Amino acid sequence: ADIPHNTVHYGGALKRLDTFDRQGILHRLSTYTKMLFVREPFERLVSAFRDKFEHPNSYYHPVFGKAILARYRANASREALRTGSGVRFPEFVQYLLDVHRPVGMDIHWDHVSRLCSPCLIDYDFVGKFESMEDDANFFLSLIRAPRNLTFPRFKDRHSQEARTTAQIARQYFTQLSALQRQRTYDFYYMDYLVFNYSKPFADLY
């Protein structure tokens, strides 16, 4: 709980696989215990939107927000275009589904099946966000971690807000048309398929 959020994400303490040479990569892929945690795609998308666009953010607003508002909001105010703040969920989804999107994808909403290559990497363990605490603690027992090392329960960002649940995600998706919901499901279809998630809306095919 004493470790700041940004220290975890941007502190440089964790080495990425692509920082090693080919031999180092192959060695780690063949000898390390490899684990992956996934999340229901619609919930993950809404969670990313809430975190990056509904709160002040010195990166996502100027980089993504400005481009999204300029492209998808008719008669956007000068202030909105200057700051990139105030992106609405339907505008964010328009950007996501646009094959000619004005800015690239981001790890927080790109396909997990593309980011983590589950068909190429033989993961030893795949956990789910929906059962994160149980799965993480079971994984820690599998790798024989010290017994006093357990998964933390606290929410370290925007702790006053509820975590994004299926119900909250559903509220956001009601802002979209049936066609937009279908297209978003199609966009994440491989994640739904590979990680065995059910269709989030009954009218999806």
N, C-alpha and C. Protein backbone atom coordinates (compact mmCIF):
# COMPACT_ATOMS: atom_id res chain seq x y z
N ALA A 1 0.83 -1.21 0.00
CA ALA A 1 0.00 0.00 0.00
C ALA A 1 0.86 1.26 0.00
N ASP A 2 2.13 1.13 0.40
CA ASP A 2 3.01 2.30 0.46
C ASP A 2 3.69 2.59 -0.88
N ILE A 3 3.52 1.72 -1.85
CA ILE A 3 4.18 1.93 -3.15
C ILE A 3 3.28 2.79 -4.03
N PRO A 4 3.72 3.98 -4.47
CA PRO A 4 2.88 4.84 -5.31
C PRO A 4 2.54 4.17 -6.64
N HIS A 5 1.33 4.45 -7.12
CA HIS A 5 0.84 3.85 -8.37
C HIS A 5 1.83 4.05 -9.52
N ASN A 6 2.31 5.28 -9.70
CA ASN A 6 3.18 5.58 -10.84
C ASN A 6 4.54 4.89 -10.73
N THR A 7 4.98 4.60 -9.50
CA THR A 7 6.24 3.90 -9.32
C THR A 7 6.14 2.48 -9.90
N VAL A 8 4.97 1.87 -9.74
CA VAL A 8 4.75 0.53 -10.28
C VAL A 8 4.77 0.55 -11.80
N HIS A 9 4.04 1.52 -12.37
CA HIS A 9 3.85 1.54 -13.82
C HIS A 9 5.01 2.16 -14.58
N TYR A 10 5.64 3.17 -13.99
CA TYR A 10 6.64 3.94 -14.75
C TYR A 10 8.00 3.98 -14.07
N GLY A 11 8.20 3.21 -13.00
CA GLY A 11 9.45 3.26 -12.26
C GLY A 11 10.61 2.52 -12.90
N GLY A 12 10.33 1.67 -13.86
CA GLY A 12 11.40 0.95 -14.54
C GLY A 12 11.93 -0.24 -13.76
N ALA A 13 11.23 -0.65 -12.70
CA ALA A 13 11.70 -1.79 -11.89
C ALA A 13 11.45 -3.12 -12.60
N LEU A 14 10.43 -3.16 -13.44
CA LEU A 14 10.10 -4.39 -14.16
C LEU A 14 10.66 -4.34 -15.58
N LYS A 15 11.37 -5.38 -15.97
CA LYS A 15 11.95 -5.43 -17.31
C LYS A 15 10.94 -6.07 -18.27
N ARG A 16 10.78 -5.46 -19.42
CA ARG A 16 9.92 -6.02 -20.46
C ARG A 16 10.70 -7.11 -21.21
N LEU A 17 9.96 -8.07 -21.75
CA LEU A 17 10.59 -9.17 -22.47
C LEU A 17 11.39 -8.66 -23.68
N ASP A 18 10.88 -7.60 -24.32
CA ASP A 18 11.56 -7.12 -25.52
C ASP A 18 12.85 -6.33 -25.24
N THR A 19 13.24 -6.24 -23.97
CA THR A 19 14.52 -5.59 -23.65
C THR A 19 15.67 -6.60 -23.69
N PHE A 20 15.34 -7.88 -23.85
CA PHE A 20 16.36 -8.92 -23.90
C PHE A 20 16.64 -9.31 -25.36
N ASP A 21 17.80 -9.92 -25.59
CA ASP A 21 18.08 -10.42 -26.93
C ASP A 21 17.29 -11.70 -27.17
N ARG A 22 17.38 -12.20 -28.39
CA ARG A 22 16.57 -13.37 -28.76
C ARG A 22 16.81 -14.55 -27.83
N GLN A 23 18.07 -14.79 -27.50
CA GLN A 23 18.39 -15.92 -26.61
C GLN A 23 17.78 -15.70 -25.23
N GLY A 24 17.86 -14.47 -24.73
CA GLY A 24 17.29 -14.16 -23.43
C GLY A 24 15.78 -14.31 -23.42
N ILE A 25 15.13 -13.91 -24.52
CA ILE A 25 13.68 -14.06 -24.64
C ILE A 25 13.29 -15.54 -24.64
N LEU A 26 13.96 -16.34 -25.48
CA LEU A 26 13.64 -17.77 -25.57
C LEU A 26 13.89 -18.49 -24.25
N HIS A 27 14.96 -18.10 -23.55
CA HIS A 27 15.26 -18.69 -22.25
C HIS A 27 14.12 -18.43 -21.27
N ARG A 28 13.64 -17.20 -21.23
CA ARG A 28 12.57 -16.85 -20.27
C ARG A 28 11.24 -17.51 -20.65
N LEU A 29 10.96 -17.57 -21.94
CA LEU A 29 9.71 -18.21 -22.37
C LEU A 29 9.70 -19.71 -22.08
N SER A 30 10.87 -20.31 -22.06
CA SER A 30 10.92 -21.76 -21.85
C SER A 30 11.11 -22.16 -20.39
N THR A 31 11.58 -21.22 -19.55
CA THR A 31 11.89 -21.60 -18.16
C THR A 31 11.08 -20.84 -17.11
N TYR A 32 10.56 -19.67 -17.43
CA TYR A 32 9.82 -18.88 -16.44
C TYR A 32 8.38 -19.37 -16.33
N THR A 33 7.79 -19.16 -15.16
CA THR A 33 6.36 -19.39 -15.00
C THR A 33 5.64 -18.19 -15.60
N LYS A 34 4.77 -18.46 -16.55
CA LYS A 34 4.12 -17.37 -17.30
C LYS A 34 2.65 -17.29 -16.92
N MET A 35 2.22 -16.10 -16.51
CA MET A 35 0.83 -15.94 -16.09
C MET A 35 0.21 -14.73 -16.79
N LEU A 36 -1.10 -14.79 -16.93
CA LEU A 36 -1.86 -13.75 -17.62
C LEU A 36 -3.18 -13.56 -16.89
N PHE A 37 -3.56 -12.29 -16.69
CA PHE A 37 -4.88 -11.99 -16.14
C PHE A 37 -5.69 -11.26 -17.20
N VAL A 38 -6.93 -11.67 -17.37
CA VAL A 38 -7.80 -11.08 -18.39
C VAL A 38 -9.06 -10.51 -17.72
N ARG A 39 -9.80 -9.72 -18.49
CA ARG A 39 -11.01 -9.10 -17.95
C ARG A 39 -12.10 -9.10 -19.02
N GLU A 40 -13.33 -9.17 -18.60
CA GLU A 40 -14.46 -9.11 -19.54
C GLU A 40 -14.27 -7.86 -20.41
N PRO A 41 -14.25 -8.01 -21.75
CA PRO A 41 -13.85 -6.90 -22.62
C PRO A 41 -14.66 -5.61 -22.48
N PHE A 42 -15.99 -5.70 -22.36
CA PHE A 42 -16.78 -4.47 -22.23
C PHE A 42 -16.47 -3.77 -20.90
N GLU A 43 -16.32 -4.56 -19.83
CA GLU A 43 -15.97 -3.97 -18.53
C GLU A 43 -14.59 -3.32 -18.59
N ARG A 44 -13.67 -3.99 -19.24
CA ARG A 44 -12.31 -3.44 -19.38
C ARG A 44 -12.33 -2.13 -20.14
N LEU A 45 -13.13 -2.07 -21.20
CA LEU A 45 -13.22 -0.85 -22.01
C LEU A 45 -13.80 0.30 -21.19
N VAL A 46 -14.89 0.04 -20.48
CA VAL A 46 -15.52 1.08 -19.67
C VAL A 46 -14.59 1.51 -18.54
N SER A 47 -13.90 0.57 -17.93
CA SER A 47 -12.96 0.90 -16.87
C SER A 47 -11.86 1.82 -17.39
N ALA A 48 -11.33 1.52 -18.57
CA ALA A 48 -10.29 2.36 -19.17
C ALA A 48 -10.84 3.76 -19.45
N PHE A 49 -12.05 3.82 -19.99
CA PHE A 49 -12.66 5.13 -20.29
C PHE A 49 -12.84 5.95 -19.02
N ARG A 50 -13.37 5.33 -17.99
CA ARG A 50 -13.61 6.05 -16.72
C ARG A 50 -12.29 6.58 -16.15
N ASP A 51 -11.27 5.73 -16.17
CA ASP A 51 -9.99 6.11 -15.57
C ASP A 51 -9.27 7.18 -16.38
N LYS A 52 -9.26 7.05 -17.69
CA LYS A 52 -8.44 7.94 -18.52
C LYS A 52 -9.16 9.22 -18.96
N PHE A 53 -10.48 9.18 -19.06
CA PHE A 53 -11.18 10.34 -19.63
C PHE A 53 -12.12 11.05 -18.67
N GLU A 54 -12.53 10.41 -17.59
CA GLU A 54 -13.44 11.06 -16.64
C GLU A 54 -12.69 11.74 -15.50
N HIS A 55 -11.38 11.66 -15.52
CA HIS A 55 -10.55 12.30 -14.50
C HIS A 55 -9.46 13.08 -15.20
N PRO A 56 -8.93 14.12 -14.55
CA PRO A 56 -7.81 14.86 -15.16
C PRO A 56 -6.67 13.91 -15.50
N ASN A 57 -6.12 14.07 -16.69
CA ASN A 57 -5.03 13.19 -17.11
C ASN A 57 -4.13 13.97 -18.08
N SER A 58 -2.88 14.10 -17.71
CA SER A 58 -1.96 14.94 -18.49
C SER A 58 -1.46 14.26 -19.76
N TYR A 59 -1.79 12.98 -19.95
CA TYR A 59 -1.40 12.30 -21.18
C TYR A 59 -2.60 11.99 -22.08
N TYR A 60 -3.61 11.34 -21.52
CA TYR A 60 -4.71 10.87 -22.37
C TYR A 60 -5.59 12.02 -22.89
N HIS A 61 -5.75 13.08 -22.14
CA HIS A 61 -6.58 14.19 -22.64
C HIS A 61 -5.92 14.90 -23.82
N PRO A 62 -4.66 15.34 -23.69
CA PRO A 62 -4.06 16.02 -24.84
C PRO A 62 -3.76 15.11 -26.02
N VAL A 63 -3.38 13.86 -25.76
CA VAL A 63 -3.01 12.98 -26.87
C VAL A 63 -4.23 12.35 -27.53
N PHE A 64 -5.12 11.74 -26.74
CA PHE A 64 -6.29 11.07 -27.30
C PHE A 64 -7.52 11.97 -27.32
N GLY A 65 -7.74 12.68 -26.21
CA GLY A 65 -8.95 13.50 -26.10
C GLY A 65 -9.06 14.55 -27.19
N LYS A 66 -8.00 15.29 -27.43
CA LYS A 66 -8.04 16.34 -28.47
C LYS A 66 -8.40 15.75 -29.83
N ALA A 67 -7.74 14.64 -30.18
CA ALA A 67 -7.97 14.02 -31.49
C ALA A 67 -9.40 13.49 -31.61
N ILE A 68 -9.90 12.89 -30.53
CA ILE A 68 -11.26 12.33 -30.55
C ILE A 68 -12.30 13.44 -30.69
N LEU A 69 -12.14 14.51 -29.92
CA LEU A 69 -13.10 15.62 -29.99
C LEU A 69 -13.06 16.32 -31.34
N ALA A 70 -11.88 16.49 -31.90
CA ALA A 70 -11.75 17.16 -33.20
C ALA A 70 -12.40 16.33 -34.30
N ARG A 71 -12.33 15.02 -34.18
CA ARG A 71 -12.82 14.15 -35.25
C ARG A 71 -14.31 13.81 -35.11
N TYR A 72 -14.78 13.61 -33.86
CA TYR A 72 -16.11 13.02 -33.69
C TYR A 72 -17.14 13.93 -33.03
N ARG A 73 -16.76 15.13 -32.60
CA ARG A 73 -17.75 16.03 -32.00
C ARG A 73 -18.00 17.21 -32.93
N ALA A 74 -19.21 17.27 -33.45
CA ALA A 74 -19.57 18.42 -34.30
C ALA A 74 -19.62 19.68 -33.43
N ASN A 75 -19.07 20.75 -33.93
CA ASN A 75 -19.09 22.04 -33.22
C ASN A 75 -18.48 21.97 -31.83
N ALA A 76 -17.37 21.25 -31.71
CA ALA A 76 -16.67 21.18 -30.43
C ALA A 76 -16.20 22.58 -30.04
N SER A 77 -16.29 22.89 -28.77
CA SER A 77 -15.88 24.22 -28.31
C SER A 77 -14.37 24.37 -28.41
N ARG A 78 -13.94 25.62 -28.48
CA ARG A 78 -12.52 25.90 -28.55
C ARG A 78 -11.79 25.36 -27.31
N GLU A 79 -12.46 25.47 -26.15
CA GLU A 79 -11.87 25.00 -24.89
C GLU A 79 -11.69 23.49 -24.91
N ALA A 80 -12.71 22.78 -25.41
CA ALA A 80 -12.62 21.32 -25.49
C ALA A 80 -11.47 20.89 -26.41
N LEU A 81 -11.36 21.57 -27.53
CA LEU A 81 -10.29 21.25 -28.48
C LEU A 81 -8.91 21.60 -27.92
N ARG A 82 -8.87 22.60 -27.06
CA ARG A 82 -7.59 23.02 -26.46
C ARG A 82 -7.12 22.03 -25.40
N THR A 83 -8.05 21.53 -24.59
CA THR A 83 -7.67 20.68 -23.46
C THR A 83 -7.82 19.18 -23.74
N GLY A 84 -8.76 18.83 -24.61
CA GLY A 84 -9.03 17.41 -24.85
C GLY A 84 -9.86 16.78 -23.75
N SER A 85 -10.43 17.60 -22.87
CA SER A 85 -11.22 17.08 -21.75
C SER A 85 -12.70 16.97 -22.12
N GLY A 86 -13.40 16.08 -21.44
CA GLY A 86 -14.84 15.97 -21.63
C GLY A 86 -15.28 14.99 -22.70
N VAL A 87 -14.40 14.10 -23.13
CA VAL A 87 -14.78 13.08 -24.12
C VAL A 87 -15.92 12.24 -23.56
N ARG A 88 -16.94 12.01 -24.38
CA ARG A 88 -18.07 11.18 -23.97
C ARG A 88 -17.85 9.75 -24.46
N PHE A 89 -18.50 8.80 -23.76
CA PHE A 89 -18.30 7.39 -24.10
C PHE A 89 -18.64 7.07 -25.56
N PRO A 90 -19.78 7.56 -26.11
CA PRO A 90 -20.05 7.25 -27.52
C PRO A 90 -18.97 7.79 -28.46
N GLU A 91 -18.36 8.93 -28.14
CA GLU A 91 -17.27 9.47 -28.96
C GLU A 91 -16.04 8.57 -28.87
N PHE A 92 -15.78 8.09 -27.67
CA PHE A 92 -14.65 7.18 -27.46
C PHE A 92 -14.85 5.90 -28.27
N VAL A 93 -16.06 5.37 -28.29
CA VAL A 93 -16.35 4.15 -29.05
C VAL A 93 -16.25 4.42 -30.55
N GLN A 94 -16.67 5.61 -30.99
CA GLN A 94 -16.50 5.97 -32.40
C GLN A 94 -15.04 5.89 -32.80
N TYR A 95 -14.19 6.44 -31.95
CA TYR A 95 -12.74 6.37 -32.21
C TYR A 95 -12.27 4.92 -32.28
N LEU A 96 -12.71 4.11 -31.31
CA LEU A 96 -12.29 2.71 -31.23
C LEU A 96 -12.62 1.95 -32.51
N LEU A 97 -13.81 2.20 -33.05
CA LEU A 97 -14.31 1.43 -34.18
C LEU A 97 -13.90 1.99 -35.54
N ASP A 98 -13.25 3.15 -35.54
CA ASP A 98 -12.86 3.81 -36.78
C ASP A 98 -11.55 3.20 -37.30
N VAL A 99 -11.61 2.55 -38.46
CA VAL A 99 -10.38 1.95 -39.01
C VAL A 99 -9.38 3.02 -39.40
N HIS A 100 -9.85 4.26 -39.57
CA HIS A 100 -8.98 5.39 -39.88
C HIS A 100 -8.85 6.29 -38.66
N ARG A 101 -8.84 5.71 -37.47
CA ARG A 101 -8.79 6.50 -36.24
C ARG A 101 -7.61 7.47 -36.25
N PRO A 102 -7.84 8.67 -35.71
CA PRO A 102 -6.81 9.72 -35.80
C PRO A 102 -5.59 9.50 -34.91
N VAL A 103 -5.72 8.67 -33.88
CA VAL A 103 -4.57 8.30 -33.05
C VAL A 103 -4.58 6.79 -32.88
N GLY A 104 -3.43 6.24 -32.55
CA GLY A 104 -3.31 4.79 -32.49
C GLY A 104 -4.06 4.17 -31.33
N MET A 105 -3.86 2.86 -31.18
CA MET A 105 -4.48 2.13 -30.08
C MET A 105 -3.65 2.32 -28.82
N ASP A 106 -4.15 1.79 -27.71
CA ASP A 106 -3.48 1.91 -26.43
C ASP A 106 -3.62 0.58 -25.70
N ILE A 107 -2.64 0.23 -24.87
CA ILE A 107 -2.67 -1.06 -24.19
C ILE A 107 -3.88 -1.23 -23.29
N HIS A 108 -4.50 -0.12 -22.85
CA HIS A 108 -5.63 -0.23 -21.93
C HIS A 108 -6.92 -0.67 -22.62
N TRP A 109 -6.98 -0.55 -23.95
CA TRP A 109 -8.19 -1.01 -24.64
C TRP A 109 -7.91 -1.80 -25.92
N ASP A 110 -6.67 -2.08 -26.22
CA ASP A 110 -6.37 -2.96 -27.34
C ASP A 110 -6.78 -4.39 -26.98
N HIS A 111 -6.89 -5.26 -27.97
CA HIS A 111 -7.28 -6.65 -27.73
C HIS A 111 -6.21 -7.35 -26.89
N VAL A 112 -6.63 -8.04 -25.84
CA VAL A 112 -5.69 -8.81 -25.02
C VAL A 112 -5.10 -9.95 -25.85
N SER A 113 -5.91 -10.52 -26.74
CA SER A 113 -5.44 -11.62 -27.58
C SER A 113 -4.32 -11.16 -28.52
N ARG A 114 -4.26 -9.85 -28.80
CA ARG A 114 -3.17 -9.31 -29.63
C ARG A 114 -1.99 -8.87 -28.77
N LEU A 115 -2.30 -8.25 -27.64
CA LEU A 115 -1.25 -7.74 -26.76
C LEU A 115 -0.42 -8.85 -26.13
N CYS A 116 -1.07 -9.93 -25.75
CA CYS A 116 -0.42 -10.96 -24.92
C CYS A 116 -0.16 -12.27 -25.64
N SER A 117 -0.57 -12.37 -26.90
CA SER A 117 -0.25 -13.53 -27.76
C SER A 117 -0.50 -14.88 -27.11
N PRO A 118 -1.73 -15.14 -26.63
CA PRO A 118 -1.98 -16.42 -25.95
C PRO A 118 -1.88 -17.63 -26.86
N CYS A 119 -1.91 -17.43 -28.17
CA CYS A 119 -1.77 -18.57 -29.08
C CYS A 119 -0.30 -18.86 -29.39
N LEU A 120 0.58 -17.93 -29.03
CA LEU A 120 2.02 -18.12 -29.27
C LEU A 120 2.78 -18.44 -27.99
N ILE A 121 2.32 -17.87 -26.87
CA ILE A 121 2.99 -18.08 -25.59
C ILE A 121 2.20 -19.11 -24.78
N ASP A 122 2.90 -20.09 -24.29
CA ASP A 122 2.26 -21.16 -23.53
C ASP A 122 2.15 -20.74 -22.06
N TYR A 123 1.10 -19.99 -21.73
CA TYR A 123 0.93 -19.50 -20.37
C TYR A 123 0.66 -20.68 -19.41
N ASP A 124 1.30 -20.60 -18.26
CA ASP A 124 1.10 -21.63 -17.24
C ASP A 124 -0.18 -21.38 -16.45
N PHE A 125 -0.61 -20.13 -16.43
CA PHE A 125 -1.75 -19.77 -15.57
C PHE A 125 -2.48 -18.59 -16.22
N VAL A 126 -3.80 -18.71 -16.34
CA VAL A 126 -4.63 -17.60 -16.82
C VAL A 126 -5.69 -17.33 -15.77
N GLY A 127 -5.64 -16.15 -15.18
CA GLY A 127 -6.63 -15.76 -14.18
C GLY A 127 -7.58 -14.73 -14.76
N LYS A 128 -8.65 -14.48 -14.03
CA LYS A 128 -9.65 -13.50 -14.48
C LYS A 128 -9.83 -12.40 -13.45
N PHE A 129 -10.01 -11.20 -13.95
CA PHE A 129 -10.19 -10.04 -13.08
C PHE A 129 -11.40 -10.24 -12.17
N GLU A 130 -12.42 -10.88 -12.69
CA GLU A 130 -13.67 -11.06 -11.94
C GLU A 130 -13.47 -11.92 -10.68
N SER A 131 -12.45 -12.74 -10.68
CA SER A 131 -12.13 -13.55 -9.49
C SER A 131 -10.67 -13.32 -9.09
N MET A 132 -10.25 -12.07 -9.25
CA MET A 132 -8.84 -11.69 -9.10
C MET A 132 -8.22 -12.12 -7.78
N GLU A 133 -8.88 -11.83 -6.68
CA GLU A 133 -8.27 -12.11 -5.37
C GLU A 133 -8.05 -13.61 -5.19
N ASP A 134 -9.07 -14.41 -5.48
CA ASP A 134 -8.93 -15.86 -5.34
C ASP A 134 -7.89 -16.41 -6.31
N ASP A 135 -7.96 -15.96 -7.56
CA ASP A 135 -7.04 -16.46 -8.58
C ASP A 135 -5.60 -16.08 -8.25
N ALA A 136 -5.40 -14.82 -7.84
CA ALA A 136 -4.04 -14.35 -7.54
C ALA A 136 -3.46 -15.09 -6.35
N ASN A 137 -4.25 -15.28 -5.32
CA ASN A 137 -3.75 -15.99 -4.15
C ASN A 137 -3.49 -17.47 -4.45
N PHE A 138 -4.32 -18.06 -5.31
CA PHE A 138 -4.08 -19.44 -5.73
C PHE A 138 -2.77 -19.52 -6.52
N PHE A 139 -2.55 -18.53 -7.40
CA PHE A 139 -1.31 -18.50 -8.18
C PHE A 139 -0.10 -18.36 -7.26
N LEU A 140 -0.20 -17.48 -6.25
CA LEU A 140 0.90 -17.30 -5.30
C LEU A 140 1.22 -18.60 -4.57
N SER A 141 0.18 -19.38 -4.26
CA SER A 141 0.43 -20.67 -3.60
C SER A 141 1.09 -21.65 -4.57
N LEU A 142 0.71 -21.59 -5.86
CA LEU A 142 1.31 -22.48 -6.86
C LEU A 142 2.81 -22.25 -7.00
N ILE A 143 3.23 -20.99 -6.92
CA ILE A 143 4.65 -20.69 -7.09
C ILE A 143 5.39 -20.69 -5.74
N ARG A 144 4.66 -21.15 -4.70
CA ARG A 144 5.24 -21.26 -3.36
C ARG A 144 5.78 -19.94 -2.83
N ALA A 145 5.00 -18.89 -3.05
CA ALA A 145 5.36 -17.58 -2.50
C ALA A 145 5.24 -17.62 -0.98
N PRO A 146 5.91 -16.74 -0.27
CA PRO A 146 5.77 -16.71 1.19
C PRO A 146 4.30 -16.58 1.59
N ARG A 147 3.91 -17.24 2.65
CA ARG A 147 2.50 -17.27 3.05
C ARG A 147 1.94 -15.90 3.40
N ASN A 148 2.82 -14.99 3.83
CA ASN A 148 2.33 -13.65 4.20
C ASN A 148 2.20 -12.73 2.99
N LEU A 149 2.53 -13.23 1.80
CA LEU A 149 2.35 -12.45 0.57
C LEU A 149 0.99 -12.77 -0.03
N THR A 150 0.08 -11.83 0.04
CA THR A 150 -1.28 -12.04 -0.49
C THR A 150 -1.65 -10.88 -1.39
N PHE A 151 -2.67 -11.10 -2.21
CA PHE A 151 -3.10 -10.06 -3.14
C PHE A 151 -3.79 -8.92 -2.38
N PRO A 152 -3.41 -7.68 -2.64
CA PRO A 152 -4.00 -6.55 -1.89
C PRO A 152 -5.46 -6.31 -2.28
N ARG A 153 -6.25 -5.88 -1.33
CA ARG A 153 -7.68 -5.65 -1.57
C ARG A 153 -8.00 -4.20 -1.92
N PHE A 154 -7.09 -3.29 -1.61
CA PHE A 154 -7.41 -1.87 -1.78
C PHE A 154 -7.43 -1.45 -3.25
N LYS A 155 -8.11 -0.36 -3.54
CA LYS A 155 -8.18 0.22 -4.88
C LYS A 155 -7.31 1.47 -4.84
N ASP A 156 -6.24 1.49 -5.61
CA ASP A 156 -5.25 2.56 -5.43
C ASP A 156 -5.49 3.80 -6.28
N ARG A 157 -6.40 3.75 -7.22
CA ARG A 157 -6.73 4.94 -8.01
C ARG A 157 -8.22 5.22 -7.89
N HIS A 158 -8.55 6.51 -7.68
CA HIS A 158 -9.95 6.92 -7.56
C HIS A 158 -10.68 5.99 -6.59
N SER A 159 -10.07 5.84 -5.43
CA SER A 159 -10.55 4.86 -4.45
C SER A 159 -11.95 5.18 -3.93
N GLN A 160 -12.40 6.43 -4.14
CA GLN A 160 -13.74 6.80 -3.67
C GLN A 160 -14.82 6.29 -4.63
N GLU A 161 -14.43 5.84 -5.80
CA GLU A 161 -15.40 5.36 -6.79
C GLU A 161 -15.47 3.84 -6.79
N ALA A 162 -16.63 3.33 -7.15
CA ALA A 162 -16.80 1.88 -7.25
C ALA A 162 -16.01 1.34 -8.44
N ARG A 163 -15.51 0.13 -8.30
CA ARG A 163 -14.87 -0.52 -9.44
C ARG A 163 -15.89 -0.71 -10.56
N THR A 164 -15.41 -0.77 -11.77
CA THR A 164 -16.31 -1.00 -12.91
C THR A 164 -16.82 -2.44 -12.87
N THR A 165 -18.11 -2.58 -12.69
CA THR A 165 -18.75 -3.89 -12.65
C THR A 165 -19.53 -4.12 -13.95
N ALA A 166 -20.12 -5.30 -14.08
CA ALA A 166 -20.95 -5.58 -15.25
C ALA A 166 -22.12 -4.60 -15.32
N GLN A 167 -22.69 -4.27 -14.17
CA GLN A 167 -23.83 -3.35 -14.13
C GLN A 167 -23.42 -1.95 -14.57
N ILE A 168 -22.27 -1.48 -14.10
CA ILE A 168 -21.79 -0.16 -14.51
C ILE A 168 -21.46 -0.14 -16.00
N ALA A 169 -20.81 -1.18 -16.48
CA ALA A 169 -20.48 -1.26 -17.91
C ALA A 169 -21.75 -1.23 -18.75
N ARG A 170 -22.78 -1.92 -18.28
CA ARG A 170 -24.05 -1.96 -19.01
C ARG A 170 -24.66 -0.57 -19.12
N GLN A 171 -24.56 0.23 -18.06
CA GLN A 171 -25.09 1.60 -18.08
C GLN A 171 -24.39 2.43 -19.16
N TYR A 172 -23.10 2.27 -19.30
CA TYR A 172 -22.37 3.01 -20.33
C TYR A 172 -22.78 2.54 -21.73
N PHE A 173 -22.94 1.24 -21.88
CA PHE A 173 -23.26 0.71 -23.21
C PHE A 173 -24.69 1.02 -23.64
N THR A 174 -25.55 1.40 -22.70
CA THR A 174 -26.90 1.83 -23.11
C THR A 174 -26.86 3.19 -23.81
N GLN A 175 -25.73 3.89 -23.74
CA GLN A 175 -25.57 5.15 -24.47
C GLN A 175 -25.33 4.91 -25.96
N LEU A 176 -25.09 3.65 -26.34
CA LEU A 176 -24.78 3.33 -27.72
C LEU A 176 -25.98 2.73 -28.43
N SER A 177 -25.95 2.78 -29.74
CA SER A 177 -27.00 2.12 -30.52
C SER A 177 -26.73 0.62 -30.52
N ALA A 178 -27.74 -0.15 -30.91
CA ALA A 178 -27.58 -1.61 -30.99
C ALA A 178 -26.47 -1.96 -31.98
N LEU A 179 -26.36 -1.20 -33.07
CA LEU A 179 -25.31 -1.46 -34.06
C LEU A 179 -23.93 -1.20 -33.47
N GLN A 180 -23.79 -0.12 -32.71
CA GLN A 180 -22.49 0.17 -32.09
C GLN A 180 -22.10 -0.91 -31.08
N ARG A 181 -23.08 -1.39 -30.33
CA ARG A 181 -22.80 -2.47 -29.38
C ARG A 181 -22.33 -3.72 -30.12
N GLN A 182 -23.01 -4.03 -31.22
CA GLN A 182 -22.63 -5.21 -32.01
C GLN A 182 -21.23 -5.05 -32.58
N ARG A 183 -20.94 -3.87 -33.11
CA ARG A 183 -19.62 -3.63 -33.70
C ARG A 183 -18.52 -3.69 -32.63
N THR A 184 -18.82 -3.22 -31.43
CA THR A 184 -17.84 -3.29 -30.35
C THR A 184 -17.61 -4.74 -29.95
N TYR A 185 -18.69 -5.52 -29.89
CA TYR A 185 -18.55 -6.95 -29.60
C TYR A 185 -17.73 -7.63 -30.69
N ASP A 186 -17.99 -7.30 -31.95
CA ASP A 186 -17.21 -7.87 -33.05
C ASP A 186 -15.73 -7.50 -32.93
N PHE A 187 -15.48 -6.27 -32.50
CA PHE A 187 -14.11 -5.78 -32.33
C PHE A 187 -13.36 -6.64 -31.32
N TYR A 188 -14.03 -7.02 -30.24
CA TYR A 188 -13.41 -7.81 -29.17
C TYR A 188 -13.75 -9.29 -29.27
N TYR A 189 -14.25 -9.74 -30.41
CA TYR A 189 -14.75 -11.11 -30.52
C TYR A 189 -13.70 -12.15 -30.12
N MET A 190 -12.45 -11.95 -30.56
CA MET A 190 -11.41 -12.95 -30.24
C MET A 190 -11.16 -13.03 -28.74
N ASP A 191 -11.24 -11.90 -28.05
CA ASP A 191 -11.06 -11.93 -26.60
C ASP A 191 -12.21 -12.69 -25.93
N TYR A 192 -13.44 -12.45 -26.42
CA TYR A 192 -14.59 -13.19 -25.89
C TYR A 192 -14.43 -14.69 -26.14
N LEU A 193 -13.95 -15.02 -27.32
CA LEU A 193 -13.83 -16.43 -27.70
C LEU A 193 -12.69 -17.12 -26.96
N VAL A 194 -11.50 -16.54 -27.02
CA VAL A 194 -10.30 -17.17 -26.47
C VAL A 194 -10.40 -17.34 -24.95
N PHE A 195 -11.00 -16.34 -24.27
CA PHE A 195 -11.02 -16.37 -22.81
C PHE A 195 -12.38 -16.77 -22.24
N ASN A 196 -13.24 -17.29 -23.12
CA ASN A 196 -14.49 -17.92 -22.70
C ASN A 196 -15.40 -17.00 -21.91
N TYR A 197 -15.64 -15.79 -22.44
CA TYR A 197 -16.59 -14.86 -21.84
C TYR A 197 -17.92 -14.94 -22.60
N SER A 198 -19.01 -14.81 -21.87
CA SER A 198 -20.34 -14.85 -22.48
C SER A 198 -20.67 -13.52 -23.14
N LYS A 199 -21.60 -13.55 -24.08
CA LYS A 199 -22.06 -12.31 -24.71
C LYS A 199 -22.70 -11.41 -23.64
N PRO A 200 -22.30 -10.13 -23.60
CA PRO A 200 -22.80 -9.26 -22.54
C PRO A 200 -24.23 -8.75 -22.76
N PHE A 201 -24.74 -8.83 -23.99
CA PHE A 201 -26.11 -8.41 -24.29
C PHE A 201 -26.81 -9.52 -25.06
N ALA A 202 -28.08 -9.74 -24.76
CA ALA A 202 -28.83 -10.84 -25.36
C ALA A 202 -29.03 -10.66 -26.86
N ASP A 203 -29.03 -9.39 -27.35
CA ASP A 203 -29.32 -9.16 -28.75
C ASP A 203 -28.08 -9.23 -29.64
N LEU A 204 -26.95 -9.57 -29.07
CA LEU A 204 -25.73 -9.71 -29.88
C LEU A 204 -25.72 -11.06 -30.59
N TYR A 205 -25.21 -11.09 -31.80
CA TYR A 205 -25.13 -12.35 -32.52
C TYR A 205 -23.69 -12.73 -32.79
